[in-house]
Protein backbone atom coordinates (compact mmCIF):
# COMPACT_ATOMS: atom_id res chain seq x y z
CA MET A 1 22.13 -30.53 18.84
CA SER A 2 24.17 -33.46 17.54
CA LEU A 3 24.98 -36.50 19.66
CA ILE A 4 28.67 -35.59 19.53
CA LYS A 5 27.89 -32.26 21.19
CA ILE A 6 25.69 -33.97 23.76
CA GLU A 7 28.51 -36.40 24.56
CA GLN A 8 30.90 -33.46 25.00
CA THR A 9 28.40 -31.65 27.22
CA LEU A 10 27.91 -34.76 29.38
CA THR A 11 31.68 -35.05 29.81
CA GLN A 12 31.95 -31.37 30.75
CA GLN A 13 29.03 -31.54 33.19
CA PHE A 14 29.69 -34.91 34.82
CA GLY A 15 33.44 -35.41 34.41
CA LYS A 16 34.39 -39.01 35.22
CA GLU A 17 30.78 -39.85 36.05
CA ALA A 18 29.90 -39.32 32.38
CA ARG A 19 31.20 -42.85 31.84
CA MET A 20 27.78 -44.11 32.95
CA PHE A 21 26.46 -42.89 29.60
CA MET A 22 27.18 -44.76 26.43
CA ARG A 23 26.39 -44.13 22.82
CA VAL A 24 24.30 -46.82 21.17
CA GLY A 25 24.50 -46.64 17.41
CA LYS A 26 23.87 -43.39 15.62
CA ARG A 27 20.72 -42.37 17.46
CA PHE A 28 20.94 -42.89 21.22
CA ILE A 29 22.92 -42.13 24.35
CA VAL A 30 21.79 -44.19 27.34
CA ASN A 31 22.70 -44.60 30.98
CA TYR A 32 24.01 -48.15 31.06
CA GLU A 33 22.89 -48.55 34.69
CA TYR A 34 19.30 -48.71 33.38
CA VAL A 35 19.88 -51.39 30.75
CA TYR A 36 17.45 -54.14 31.63
CA SER A 37 17.71 -56.36 28.56
CA ILE A 38 19.31 -56.56 25.15
CA ASN A 39 17.61 -58.65 22.49
CA ILE A 40 19.79 -58.65 19.40
CA GLY A 41 17.43 -60.83 17.35
CA LYS A 42 14.45 -58.52 17.86
CA GLN A 43 16.64 -55.40 17.79
CA ARG A 44 15.29 -54.26 21.18
CA LEU A 45 16.97 -52.51 24.06
CA VAL A 46 14.90 -52.25 27.22
CA LEU A 47 15.74 -49.63 29.82
CA SER A 48 14.15 -49.88 33.25
CA ASP A 49 14.59 -48.80 36.86
CA LEU A 50 12.72 -52.00 37.91
CA GLU A 51 10.08 -49.94 39.71
CA ARG A 52 8.46 -47.12 37.76
CA PHE A 53 9.42 -47.33 34.13
CA ALA A 54 10.42 -49.61 31.29
CA TYR A 55 11.18 -48.15 27.91
CA GLN A 56 11.95 -50.03 24.69
CA LEU A 57 14.18 -48.73 21.94
CA GLN A 58 14.61 -50.21 18.49
CA VAL A 59 18.35 -50.35 17.84
CA SER A 60 20.41 -51.92 15.07
CA LYS A 61 21.80 -55.41 15.64
CA GLU A 62 25.37 -54.19 15.22
CA ALA A 63 24.92 -51.43 17.81
CA LEU A 64 23.39 -53.93 20.26
CA ARG A 65 26.27 -56.37 19.72
CA CYS A 66 28.79 -53.62 20.45
CA MET A 67 26.85 -52.54 23.52
CA LYS A 68 26.61 -56.08 24.85
CA ASN A 69 30.37 -56.56 24.38
CA LEU A 70 31.14 -53.30 26.21
CA LEU A 71 28.82 -54.14 29.09
CA THR A 72 30.34 -57.61 29.40
CA LYS A 73 33.81 -56.06 29.63
CA LYS A 74 32.64 -53.58 32.30
CA LYS A 75 31.35 -56.40 34.50
CA VAL A 76 34.67 -58.28 34.38
């Protein structure tokens, strides 16, 4: 299944709540509520719930820059 279809399915299943998911580059869709850190220089995105798991993804610098900009706008 392509990421476009997954994005469509998330929107159909979750409606407005699907906004918690964001596409990161060409390879990933993540729940932005679990973004723990973004390291553009090392091309690392760390997802964590701060209790049970921490997971690192290798993501392109450009995708991380876009993600960081979007998250900064959401916090404002």
